[in-house]
Amino acid sequence: MYFNTSKVAALLLIAAGLVLAQDPSKKEHSVAGARKPDSAPMPFLLPSETTVNGFLHQMFGHDPAVTWKILGIKPAEAENLAQVDVLLSSGQGQQATTLYVTSDQKHALVGDLIPFGSDPFEPVRSRLDTAANGVTRGPAKAPVAIVEFSDLQCPHCKQAQPTIEKLLNDEPHARFVFQQFPLPSHDWAMKAASYADCIGQANNPAFWKFIDGVYNAQSDITSANADEKLTGFADAAGAKGSEIAACAVKPETKTRVDTSLALGKSVGVTGTPTLFIAGRKIANVNGMPYEMLKSIVEFHAKEGK
């Protein structure tokens, strides 16, 4: 889920031009280049957690309402960049943010790496066409596929649903795939994803009714009453709630949800909701004008015919 406080957004933009402090006392992680030894550049150093925490402390330490958690430090897909994933939290919500740190650790870019080329979205499109196996709507051989990674506890996902529903009604020839992406910061999201997965395995129409029921009752669901509420929503959707509840705790169900999570991470999902239209990532669904969203779908539908 995303929060769009102007203060945090401004600070993140400022971060793109700031120098990362060096920490000579902390051993860094060495990463070799992917080329052959005779042509490979010298290994570059990933920033340590101490360095990243020092940077974030300098950026946000003045505001006690802002906290952070380092989610990962690894080589980026682009050569000679380190990828630092951070979860920022404040009283207004959470924001998953990625920093790309240069090999000399003197500069960082904030945001997403944008794919480039004559068909920049083809790698992700092919990956999703092959691996996205969530519950679907629309024709199987549609000219354009829309894949949503969503969290049933996420208020922004609930907010985006009318827009997505309108988009699907306006573009009946698009294929829509719903992928589970429960965020670790949500205490009943994984359980809801498991219930939804089980319903989707058994009853496609019931799945969409269940999703609507959960979104509409988000504020009434807690970690303590989640099983009771989710079982009731399964019954109301036309599935047998007791059977769905039993399925939700099976190891194979968790494996399917974890596989969906892994797929999302592999294509750059860091928050929910995230849409992919023919492989094109739309991270801020609620912030994009509807007509622009629709025009993107129409463009890629024409390209796909």
C-alpha atoms as a PDB file:
ATOM      1  CA  MET A   1       0.000   0.000   0.000  1.00  0.00           C
ATOM      2  CA  TYR A   2       1.166   3.533  -0.650  1.00  0.00           C
ATOM      3  CA  PHE A   3       1.025   6.815   1.243  1.00  0.00           C
ATOM      4  CA  ASN A   4       1.536  10.065  -0.607  1.00  0.00           C
ATOM      5  CA  THR A   5       2.534  12.609   2.001  1.00  0.00           C
ATOM      6  CA  SER A   6       4.148  15.593   0.319  1.00  0.00           C
ATOM      7  CA  LYS A   7       6.833  15.760   3.003  1.00  0.00           C
ATOM      8  CA  VAL A   8       8.054  12.220   2.403  1.00  0.00           C
ATOM      9  CA  ALA A   9       7.755  12.543  -1.374  1.00  0.00           C
ATOM     10  CA  ALA A  10       9.861  15.721  -1.326  1.00  0.00           C
ATOM     11  CA  LEU A  11      12.506  14.110   0.844  1.00  0.00           C
ATOM     12  CA  LEU A  12      12.694  11.093  -1.452  1.00  0.00           C
ATOM     13  CA  LEU A  13      13.217  13.333  -4.443  1.00  0.00           C
ATOM     14  CA  ILE A  14      15.960  15.174  -2.575  1.00  0.00           C
ATOM     15  CA  ALA A  15      17.535  11.801  -1.797  1.00  0.00           C
ATOM     16  CA  ALA A  16      18.267  11.277  -5.474  1.00  0.00           C
ATOM     17  CA  GLY A  17      21.011  13.882  -5.353  1.00  0.00           C
ATOM     18  CA  LEU A  18      22.538  13.312  -1.943  1.00  0.00           C
ATOM     19  CA  VAL A  19      25.852  11.629  -1.149  1.00  0.00           C
ATOM     20  CA  LEU A  20      25.771   8.347   0.718  1.00  0.00           C
ATOM     21  CA  ALA A  21      28.063   8.453   3.727  1.00  0.00           C
ATOM     22  CA  GLN A  22      30.895   5.939   3.686  1.00  0.00           C
ATOM     23  CA  ASP A  23      31.414   3.630   6.648  1.00  0.00           C
ATOM     24  CA  PRO A  24      34.962   2.260   6.523  1.00  0.00           C
ATOM     25  CA  SER A  25      34.477   0.346   9.766  1.00  0.00           C
ATOM     26  CA  LYS A  26      31.780  -1.890   8.253  1.00  0.00           C
ATOM     27  CA  LYS A  27      32.726  -4.688   5.882  1.00  0.00           C
ATOM     28  CA  GLU A  28      30.799  -4.345   2.620  1.00  0.00           C
ATOM     29  CA  HIS A  29      29.422  -7.170   0.475  1.00  0.00           C
ATOM     30  CA  SER A  30      31.430  -7.836  -2.680  1.00  0.00           C
ATOM     31  CA  VAL A  31      29.579  -8.672  -5.895  1.00  0.00           C
ATOM     32  CA  ALA A  32      31.393  -9.792  -9.025  1.00  0.00           C
ATOM     33  CA  GLY A  33      30.366  -8.710 -12.497  1.00  0.00           C
ATOM     34  CA  ALA A  34      28.450 -11.107 -14.753  1.00  0.00           C
ATOM     35  CA  ARG A  35      30.929 -10.949 -17.639  1.00  0.00           C
ATOM     36  CA  LYS A  36      33.738 -13.394 -18.337  1.00  0.00           C
ATOM     37  CA  PRO A  37      36.811 -12.980 -16.122  1.00  0.00           C
ATOM     38  CA  ASP A  38      38.938 -11.541 -18.925  1.00  0.00           C
ATOM     39  CA  SER A  39      36.475  -8.714 -19.572  1.00  0.00           C
ATOM     40  CA  ALA A  40      34.727  -8.326 -16.224  1.00  0.00           C
ATOM     41  CA  PRO A  41      35.059  -5.046 -14.344  1.00  0.00           C
ATOM     42  CA  MET A  42      36.364  -4.996 -10.809  1.00  0.00           C
ATOM     43  CA  PRO A  43      33.756  -6.221  -8.314  1.00  0.00           C
ATOM     44  CA  PHE A  44      31.663  -3.414  -6.881  1.00  0.00           C
ATOM     45  CA  LEU A  45      30.653  -3.114  -3.271  1.00  0.00           C
ATOM     46  CA  LEU A  46      27.093  -3.198  -2.047  1.00  0.00           C
ATOM     47  CA  PRO A  47      26.380  -0.638   0.656  1.00  0.00           C
ATOM     48  CA  SER A  48      26.144  -2.143   4.127  1.00  0.00           C
ATOM     49  CA  GLU A  49      23.074  -1.916   6.337  1.00  0.00           C
ATOM     50  CA  THR A  50      25.037   0.500   8.512  1.00  0.00           C
ATOM     51  CA  THR A  51      25.600   2.804   5.549  1.00  0.00           C
ATOM     52  CA  VAL A  52      21.955   2.645   4.468  1.00  0.00           C
ATOM     53  CA  ASN A  53      20.697   3.216   8.004  1.00  0.00           C
ATOM     54  CA  GLY A  54      23.043   6.171   8.324  1.00  0.00           C
ATOM     55  CA  PHE A  55      21.679   7.656   5.106  1.00  0.00           C
ATOM     56  CA  LEU A  56      18.055   7.169   6.181  1.00  0.00           C
ATOM     57  CA  HIS A  57      18.798   8.605   9.609  1.00  0.00           C
ATOM     58  CA  GLN A  58      20.171  11.759   8.007  1.00  0.00           C
ATOM     59  CA  MET A  59      17.142  11.968   5.695  1.00  0.00           C
ATOM     60  CA  PHE A  60      14.352  11.260   8.165  1.00  0.00           C
ATOM     61  CA  GLY A  61      15.840  11.444  11.661  1.00  0.00           C
ATOM     62  CA  HIS A  62      14.392  14.906  12.214  1.00  0.00           C
ATOM     63  CA  ASP A  63      10.837  13.494  12.058  1.00  0.00           C
ATOM     64  CA  PRO A  64      10.014  11.020  14.869  1.00  0.00           C
ATOM     65  CA  ALA A  65       6.838   9.974  13.038  1.00  0.00           C
ATOM     66  CA  VAL A  66       8.861   8.395  10.213  1.00  0.00           C
ATOM     67  CA  THR A  67      10.455   4.977  10.693  1.00  0.00           C
ATOM     68  CA  TRP A  68      12.003   2.593   8.214  1.00  0.00           C
ATOM     69  CA  LYS A  69      12.916  -1.016   7.621  1.00  0.00           C
ATOM     70  CA  ILE A  70      15.550  -2.206   5.148  1.00  0.00           C
ATOM     71  CA  LEU A  71      13.939  -4.967   3.093  1.00  0.00           C
ATOM     72  CA  GLY A  72      16.938  -5.913   1.001  1.00  0.00           C
ATOM     73  CA  ILE A  73      20.298  -4.880  -0.461  1.00  0.00           C
ATOM     74  CA  LYS A  74      21.281  -6.613  -3.694  1.00  0.00           C
ATOM     75  CA  PRO A  75      22.717  -6.028  -7.169  1.00  0.00           C
ATOM     76  CA  ALA A  76      20.231  -4.258  -9.440  1.00  0.00           C
ATOM     77  CA  GLU A  77      19.259  -5.605 -12.841  1.00  0.00           C
ATOM     78  CA  ALA A  78      21.146  -2.714 -14.388  1.00  0.00           C
ATOM     79  CA  GLU A  79      24.906  -3.159 -14.324  1.00  0.00           C
ATOM     80  CA  ASN A  80      26.959  -1.368 -11.650  1.00  0.00           C
ATOM     81  CA  LEU A  81      23.988  -0.350  -9.526  1.00  0.00           C
ATOM     82  CA  ALA A  82      22.967  -1.673  -6.116  1.00  0.00           C
ATOM     83  CA  GLN A  83      19.266  -1.985  -5.326  1.00  0.00           C
ATOM     84  CA  VAL A  84      18.219  -0.991  -1.806  1.00  0.00           C
ATOM     85  CA  ASP A  85      14.587  -1.726  -0.916  1.00  0.00           C
ATOM     86  CA  VAL A  86      13.200   0.182   2.060  1.00  0.00           C
ATOM     87  CA  LEU A  87       9.794   0.286   3.766  1.00  0.00           C
ATOM     88  CA  LEU A  88       9.017   3.765   5.088  1.00  0.00           C
ATOM     89  CA  SER A  89       6.269   4.159   7.693  1.00  0.00           C
ATOM     90  CA  SER A  90       4.500   7.144   9.196  1.00  0.00           C
ATOM     91  CA  GLY A  91       1.210   7.815  10.907  1.00  0.00           C
ATOM     92  CA  GLN A  92      -0.388   8.119   7.474  1.00  0.00           C
ATOM     93  CA  GLY A  93       0.650   4.736   6.096  1.00  0.00           C
ATOM     94  CA  GLN A  94       3.555   2.919   4.504  1.00  0.00           C
ATOM     95  CA  GLN A  95       5.580   3.350   1.328  1.00  0.00           C
ATOM     96  CA  ALA A  96       7.846   0.759  -0.245  1.00  0.00           C
ATOM     97  CA  THR A  97      10.726   2.653  -1.832  1.00  0.00           C
ATOM     98  CA  THR A  98      13.710   1.573  -3.901  1.00  0.00           C
ATOM     99  CA  LEU A  99      17.058   3.341  -4.034  1.00  0.00           C
ATOM    100  CA  TYR A 100      19.585   2.593  -6.787  1.00  0.00           C
ATOM    101  CA  VAL A 101      23.080   3.279  -5.511  1.00  0.00           C
ATOM    102  CA  THR A 102      26.023   3.882  -7.838  1.00  0.00           C
ATOM    103  CA  SER A 103      29.035   1.611  -7.591  1.00  0.00           C
ATOM    104  CA  ASP A 104      31.144   4.315  -5.931  1.00  0.00           C
ATOM    105  CA  GLN A 105      28.374   4.740  -3.306  1.00  0.00           C
ATOM    106  CA  LYS A 106      28.366   8.491  -3.773  1.00  0.00           C
ATOM    107  CA  HIS A 107      24.965   8.902  -5.394  1.00  0.00           C
ATOM    108  CA  ALA A 108      21.543   7.279  -5.343  1.00  0.00           C
ATOM    109  CA  LEU A 109      18.507   7.428  -7.586  1.00  0.00           C
ATOM    110  CA  VAL A 110      15.050   6.951  -6.129  1.00  0.00           C
ATOM    111  CA  GLY A 111      12.195   5.277  -7.995  1.00  0.00           C
ATOM    112  CA  ASP A 112      11.962   2.590 -10.658  1.00  0.00           C
ATOM    113  CA  LEU A 113      14.367   1.507 -13.339  1.00  0.00           C
ATOM    114  CA  ILE A 114      12.461   2.012 -16.578  1.00  0.00           C
ATOM    115  CA  PRO A 115      12.841  -0.698 -19.220  1.00  0.00           C
ATOM    116  CA  PHE A 116      14.270   0.524 -22.500  1.00  0.00           C
ATOM    117  CA  GLY A 117      14.261  -0.691 -26.097  1.00  0.00           C
ATOM    118  CA  SER A 118      11.984  -0.959 -29.116  1.00  0.00           C
ATOM    119  CA  ASP A 119       9.691  -3.266 -27.127  1.00  0.00           C
ATOM    120  CA  PRO A 120      10.577  -2.381 -23.529  1.00  0.00           C
ATOM    121  CA  PHE A 121       7.737  -4.295 -21.878  1.00  0.00           C
ATOM    122  CA  GLU A 122       8.284  -7.606 -23.686  1.00  0.00           C
ATOM    123  CA  PRO A 123      10.389  -9.332 -20.974  1.00  0.00           C
ATOM    124  CA  VAL A 124       7.819  -8.704 -18.250  1.00  0.00           C
ATOM    125  CA  ARG A 125       4.923  -9.410 -20.622  1.00  0.00           C
ATOM    126  CA  SER A 126       6.429 -12.783 -21.540  1.00  0.00           C
ATOM    127  CA  ARG A 127       7.138 -13.578 -17.905  1.00  0.00           C
ATOM    128  CA  LEU A 128       3.553 -12.845 -16.877  1.00  0.00           C
ATOM    129  CA  ASP A 129       2.072 -14.627 -19.889  1.00  0.00           C
ATOM    130  CA  THR A 130       3.983 -17.714 -18.813  1.00  0.00           C
ATOM    131  CA  ALA A 131       3.756 -17.568 -15.017  1.00  0.00           C
ATOM    132  CA  ALA A 132       0.690 -15.543 -13.998  1.00  0.00           C
ATOM    133  CA  ASN A 133      -1.809 -18.228 -12.970  1.00  0.00           C
ATOM    134  CA  GLY A 134      -4.276 -16.324 -10.813  1.00  0.00           C
ATOM    135  CA  VAL A 135      -8.026 -16.241 -11.289  1.00  0.00           C
ATOM    136  CA  THR A 136      -8.972 -14.763 -14.676  1.00  0.00           C
ATOM    137  CA  ARG A 137     -11.771 -12.890 -16.387  1.00  0.00           C
ATOM    138  CA  GLY A 138     -12.198 -12.228 -20.082  1.00  0.00           C
ATOM    139  CA  PRO A 139     -11.218 -14.155 -23.225  1.00  0.00           C
ATOM    140  CA  ALA A 140      -8.190 -16.434 -22.975  1.00  0.00           C
ATOM    141  CA  LYS A 141      -6.778 -15.177 -26.295  1.00  0.00           C
ATOM    142  CA  ALA A 142      -7.395 -11.488 -25.687  1.00  0.00           C
ATOM    143  CA  PRO A 143      -5.136  -8.989 -27.502  1.00  0.00           C
ATOM    144  CA  VAL A 144      -4.123  -7.448 -24.180  1.00  0.00           C
ATOM    145  CA  ALA A 145      -3.706  -8.895 -20.689  1.00  0.00           C
ATOM    146  CA  ILE A 146      -4.069  -6.895 -17.474  1.00  0.00           C
ATOM    147  CA  VAL A 147      -2.484  -8.446 -14.390  1.00  0.00           C
ATOM    148  CA  GLU A 148      -3.190  -7.031 -10.934  1.00  0.00           C
ATOM    149  CA  PHE A 149      -1.116  -7.815  -7.851  1.00  0.00           C
ATOM    150  CA  SER A 150      -3.324  -7.046  -4.882  1.00  0.00           C
ATOM    151  CA  ASP A 151      -3.660  -7.335  -1.105  1.00  0.00           C
ATOM    152  CA  LEU A 152      -7.175  -7.819   0.273  1.00  0.00           C
ATOM    153  CA  GLN A 153      -6.351  -5.848   3.438  1.00  0.00           C
ATOM    154  CA  CYS A 154      -4.933  -2.900   1.484  1.00  0.00           C
ATOM    155  CA  PRO A 155      -7.222   0.181   1.521  1.00  0.00           C
ATOM    156  CA  HIS A 156      -5.651   1.460  -1.698  1.00  0.00           C
ATOM    157  CA  CYS A 157      -6.545  -1.821  -3.415  1.00  0.00           C
ATOM    158  CA  LYS A 158     -10.143  -1.364  -2.306  1.00  0.00           C
ATOM    159  CA  GLN A 159     -10.036   2.210  -3.595  1.00  0.00           C
ATOM    160  CA  ALA A 160      -8.725   1.054  -6.981  1.00  0.00           C
ATOM    161  CA  GLN A 161     -11.370  -1.614  -7.568  1.00  0.00           C
ATOM    162  CA  PRO A 162     -14.105   0.646  -9.033  1.00  0.00           C
ATOM    163  CA  THR A 163     -11.544   1.999 -11.512  1.00  0.00           C
ATOM    164  CA  ILE A 164     -10.400  -1.485 -12.495  1.00  0.00           C
ATOM    165  CA  GLU A 165     -13.993  -2.698 -12.763  1.00  0.00           C
ATOM    166  CA  LYS A 166     -14.890   0.223 -15.034  1.00  0.00           C
ATOM    167  CA  LEU A 167     -11.816  -0.463 -17.140  1.00  0.00           C
ATOM    168  CA  LEU A 168     -12.821  -4.104 -17.620  1.00  0.00           C
ATOM    169  CA  ASN A 169     -16.387  -3.122 -18.492  1.00  0.00           C
ATOM    170  CA  ASP A 170     -15.135  -0.588 -21.030  1.00  0.00           C
ATOM    171  CA  GLU A 171     -12.589  -3.032 -22.475  1.00  0.00           C
ATOM    172  CA  PRO A 172     -14.463  -6.376 -22.644  1.00  0.00           C
ATOM    173  CA  HIS A 173     -11.844  -7.902 -24.937  1.00  0.00           C
ATOM    174  CA  ALA A 174      -9.089  -7.582 -22.336  1.00  0.00           C
ATOM    175  CA  ARG A 175      -8.068 -10.546 -20.181  1.00  0.00           C
ATOM    176  CA  PHE A 176      -7.724  -9.803 -16.462  1.00  0.00           C
ATOM    177  CA  VAL A 177      -5.634 -11.848 -14.023  1.00  0.00           C
ATOM    178  CA  PHE A 178      -5.784 -11.368 -10.249  1.00  0.00           C
ATOM    179  CA  GLN A 179      -2.566 -12.286  -8.437  1.00  0.00           C
ATOM    180  CA  GLN A 180      -2.308 -12.514  -4.657  1.00  0.00           C
ATOM    181  CA  PHE A 181       0.300 -10.218  -3.098  1.00  0.00           C
ATOM    182  CA  PRO A 182      -0.363 -10.006   0.672  1.00  0.00           C
ATOM    183  CA  LEU A 183       1.958  -7.504   2.322  1.00  0.00           C
ATOM    184  CA  PRO A 184       3.862  -8.596   5.453  1.00  0.00           C
ATOM    185  CA  SER A 185       2.761  -5.443   7.266  1.00  0.00           C
ATOM    186  CA  HIS A 186      -0.914  -6.538   7.157  1.00  0.00           C
ATOM    187  CA  ASP A 187      -1.917  -8.958   9.886  1.00  0.00           C
ATOM    188  CA  TRP A 188      -4.729 -10.832   8.117  1.00  0.00           C
ATOM    189  CA  ALA A 189      -3.791 -10.314   4.455  1.00  0.00           C
ATOM    190  CA  MET A 190      -2.042 -13.674   4.081  1.00  0.00           C
ATOM    191  CA  LYS A 191      -5.054 -15.480   5.526  1.00  0.00           C
ATOM    192  CA  ALA A 192      -7.411 -13.644   3.165  1.00  0.00           C
ATOM    193  CA  ALA A 193      -5.153 -14.489   0.217  1.00  0.00           C
ATOM    194  CA  SER A 194      -5.282 -18.166   1.213  1.00  0.00           C
ATOM    195  CA  TYR A 195      -9.089 -18.168   1.400  1.00  0.00           C
ATOM    196  CA  ALA A 196      -9.292 -16.364  -1.953  1.00  0.00           C
ATOM    197  CA  ASP A 197      -6.852 -18.813  -3.526  1.00  0.00           C
ATOM    198  CA  CYS A 198      -8.929 -21.783  -2.403  1.00  0.00           C
ATOM    199  CA  ILE A 199     -12.158 -20.247  -3.687  1.00  0.00           C
ATOM    200  CA  GLY A 200     -10.497 -19.414  -6.998  1.00  0.00           C
ATOM    201  CA  GLN A 201      -9.362 -23.018  -7.360  1.00  0.00           C
ATOM    202  CA  ALA A 202     -12.928 -24.243  -6.973  1.00  0.00           C
ATOM    203  CA  ASN A 203     -15.339 -21.582  -8.201  1.00  0.00           C
ATOM    204  CA  ASN A 204     -14.439 -18.673 -10.490  1.00  0.00           C
ATOM    205  CA  PRO A 205     -17.695 -16.678 -10.102  1.00  0.00           C
ATOM    206  CA  ALA A 206     -17.573 -17.088  -6.322  1.00  0.00           C
ATOM    207  CA  PHE A 207     -14.039 -15.729  -6.262  1.00  0.00           C
ATOM    208  CA  TRP A 208     -15.059 -12.283  -7.563  1.00  0.00           C
ATOM    209  CA  LYS A 209     -17.981 -12.089  -5.141  1.00  0.00           C
ATOM    210  CA  PHE A 210     -15.645 -13.035  -2.296  1.00  0.00           C
ATOM    211  CA  ILE A 211     -13.149 -10.328  -3.288  1.00  0.00           C
ATOM    212  CA  ASP A 212     -15.897  -7.700  -3.307  1.00  0.00           C
ATOM    213  CA  GLY A 213     -17.202  -8.885   0.061  1.00  0.00           C
ATOM    214  CA  VAL A 214     -13.788  -8.652   1.705  1.00  0.00           C
ATOM    215  CA  TYR A 215     -13.011  -5.218   0.254  1.00  0.00           C
ATOM    216  CA  ASN A 216     -16.384  -3.872   1.374  1.00  0.00           C
ATOM    217  CA  ALA A 217     -15.860  -5.132   4.936  1.00  0.00           C
ATOM    218  CA  GLN A 218     -12.156  -4.333   5.373  1.00  0.00           C
ATOM    219  CA  SER A 219     -12.732  -2.102   8.378  1.00  0.00           C
ATOM    220  CA  ASP A 220     -14.694  -4.842  10.189  1.00  0.00           C
ATOM    221  CA  ILE A 221     -12.050  -7.554   9.814  1.00  0.00           C
ATOM    222  CA  THR A 222      -9.314  -8.068  12.380  1.00  0.00           C
ATOM    223  CA  SER A 223      -6.680 -10.721  12.893  1.00  0.00           C
ATOM    224  CA  ALA A 224      -8.838 -12.087  15.741  1.00  0.00           C
ATOM    225  CA  ASN A 225     -12.067 -12.480  13.735  1.00  0.00           C
ATOM    226  CA  ALA A 226     -10.584 -13.044  10.261  1.00  0.00           C
ATOM    227  CA  ASP A 227     -11.417 -16.762  10.059  1.00  0.00           C
ATOM    228  CA  GLU A 228     -15.010 -16.187  11.083  1.00  0.00           C
ATOM    229  CA  LYS A 229     -15.478 -13.262   8.693  1.00  0.00           C
ATOM    230  CA  LEU A 230     -13.710 -14.878   5.739  1.00  0.00           C
ATOM    231  CA  THR A 231     -15.638 -18.125   6.169  1.00  0.00           C
ATOM    232  CA  GLY A 232     -18.862 -16.121   6.136  1.00  0.00           C
ATOM    233  CA  PHE A 233     -17.851 -14.238   2.999  1.00  0.00           C
ATOM    234  CA  ALA A 234     -17.016 -17.546   1.312  1.00  0.00           C
ATOM    235  CA  ASP A 235     -20.496 -18.873   2.130  1.00  0.00           C
ATOM    236  CA  ALA A 236     -22.119 -15.649   0.902  1.00  0.00           C
ATOM    237  CA  ALA A 237     -20.155 -15.851  -2.362  1.00  0.00           C
ATOM    238  CA  GLY A 238     -21.489 -19.319  -3.124  1.00  0.00           C
ATOM    239  CA  ALA A 239     -18.619 -21.460  -1.878  1.00  0.00           C
ATOM    240  CA  LYS A 240     -18.767 -23.778   1.128  1.00  0.00           C
ATOM    241  CA  GLY A 241     -17.078 -21.780   3.855  1.00  0.00           C
ATOM    242  CA  SER A 242     -16.026 -24.687   6.057  1.00  0.00           C
ATOM    243  CA  GLU A 243     -14.306 -26.425   3.133  1.00  0.00           C
ATOM    244  CA  ILE A 244     -12.570 -23.201   2.106  1.00  0.00           C
ATOM    245  CA  ALA A 245     -11.363 -22.641   5.679  1.00  0.00           C
ATOM    246  CA  ALA A 246      -9.882 -26.146   5.737  1.00  0.00           C
ATOM    247  CA  CYS A 247      -8.206 -25.587   2.375  1.00  0.00           C
ATOM    248  CA  ALA A 248      -6.756 -22.226   3.477  1.00  0.00           C
ATOM    249  CA  VAL A 249      -4.464 -23.813   6.074  1.00  0.00           C
ATOM    250  CA  LYS A 250      -3.035 -26.496   3.797  1.00  0.00           C
ATOM    251  CA  PRO A 251       0.677 -26.239   2.928  1.00  0.00           C
ATOM    252  CA  GLU A 252      -0.038 -26.388  -0.795  1.00  0.00           C
ATOM    253  CA  THR A 253      -2.239 -23.289  -0.478  1.00  0.00           C
ATOM    254  CA  LYS A 254       0.573 -21.331   1.137  1.00  0.00           C
ATOM    255  CA  THR A 255       2.885 -22.555  -1.609  1.00  0.00           C
ATOM    256  CA  ARG A 256       0.573 -21.144  -4.283  1.00  0.00           C
ATOM    257  CA  VAL A 257       0.317 -17.771  -2.529  1.00  0.00           C
ATOM    258  CA  ASP A 258       4.077 -17.671  -1.982  1.00  0.00           C
ATOM    259  CA  THR A 259       4.575 -18.429  -5.681  1.00  0.00           C
ATOM    260  CA  SER A 260       2.365 -15.476  -6.584  1.00  0.00           C
ATOM    261  CA  LEU A 261       4.349 -13.271  -4.206  1.00  0.00           C
ATOM    262  CA  ALA A 262       7.612 -14.430  -5.756  1.00  0.00           C
ATOM    263  CA  LEU A 263       6.278 -13.720  -9.246  1.00  0.00           C
ATOM    264  CA  GLY A 264       5.326 -10.198  -8.237  1.00  0.00           C
ATOM    265  CA  LYS A 265       8.726  -9.514  -6.736  1.00  0.00           C
ATOM    266  CA  SER A 266      10.428 -10.886  -9.852  1.00  0.00           C
ATOM    267  CA  VAL A 267       8.679  -8.269 -12.013  1.00  0.00           C
ATOM    268  CA  GLY A 268       9.275  -5.386  -9.619  1.00  0.00           C
ATOM    269  CA  VAL A 269       6.153  -5.254  -7.463  1.00  0.00           C
ATOM    270  CA  THR A 270       6.906  -3.421  -4.213  1.00  0.00           C
ATOM    271  CA  GLY A 271       3.414  -2.299  -3.178  1.00  0.00           C
ATOM    272  CA  THR A 272      -0.244  -2.816  -3.908  1.00  0.00           C
ATOM    273  CA  PRO A 273      -2.186  -2.396  -6.053  1.00  0.00           C
ATOM    274  CA  THR A 274       0.173  -2.794  -9.011  1.00  0.00           C
ATOM    275  CA  LEU A 275      -1.175  -3.335 -12.520  1.00  0.00           C
ATOM    276  CA  PHE A 276       0.657  -4.635 -15.555  1.00  0.00           C
ATOM    277  CA  ILE A 277      -0.942  -3.800 -18.895  1.00  0.00           C
ATOM    278  CA  ALA A 278       0.753  -5.914 -21.580  1.00  0.00           C
ATOM    279  CA  GLY A 279       3.774  -5.973 -19.281  1.00  0.00           C
ATOM    280  CA  ARG A 280       3.692  -2.226 -18.671  1.00  0.00           C
ATOM    281  CA  LYS A 281       3.851  -1.476 -14.953  1.00  0.00           C
ATOM    282  CA  ILE A 282       1.277   0.900 -13.442  1.00  0.00           C
ATOM    283  CA  ALA A 283       2.209   1.292  -9.784  1.00  0.00           C
ATOM    284  CA  ASN A 284       0.007   4.251  -8.859  1.00  0.00           C
ATOM    285  CA  VAL A 285      -3.397   3.163 -10.146  1.00  0.00           C
ATOM    286  CA  ASN A 286      -5.303   5.596  -7.947  1.00  0.00           C
ATOM    287  CA  GLY A 287      -3.145   8.526  -9.009  1.00  0.00           C
ATOM    288  CA  MET A 288      -3.541   8.024 -12.760  1.00  0.00           C
ATOM    289  CA  PRO A 289      -6.433   9.705 -14.607  1.00  0.00           C
ATOM    290  CA  TYR A 290      -8.904   7.097 -15.811  1.00  0.00           C
ATOM    291  CA  GLU A 291      -8.800   8.247 -19.443  1.00  0.00           C
ATOM    292  CA  MET A 292      -5.029   7.812 -19.490  1.00  0.00           C
ATOM    293  CA  LEU A 293      -5.334   4.320 -18.044  1.00  0.00           C
ATOM    294  CA  LYS A 294      -7.966   3.436 -20.634  1.00  0.00           C
ATOM    295  CA  SER A 295      -5.868   4.840 -23.484  1.00  0.00           C
ATOM    296  CA  ILE A 296      -2.927   2.646 -22.417  1.00  0.00           C
ATOM    297  CA  VAL A 297      -5.145  -0.450 -22.547  1.00  0.00           C
ATOM    298  CA  GLU A 298      -6.553   0.550 -25.944  1.00  0.00           C
ATOM    299  CA  PHE A 299      -3.068   1.219 -27.335  1.00  0.00           C
ATOM    300  CA  HIS A 300      -1.691  -2.145 -26.262  1.00  0.00           C
ATOM    301  CA  ALA A 301      -4.862  -3.929 -27.431  1.00  0.00           C
ATOM    302  CA  LYS A 302      -4.265  -2.524 -30.924  1.00  0.00           C
ATOM    303  CA  GLU A 303      -0.602  -3.472 -30.730  1.00  0.00           C
ATOM    304  CA  GLY A 304      -1.561  -7.000 -29.719  1.00  0.00           C
ATOM    305  CA  LYS A 305      -3.953  -7.654 -32.589  1.00  0.00           C
END
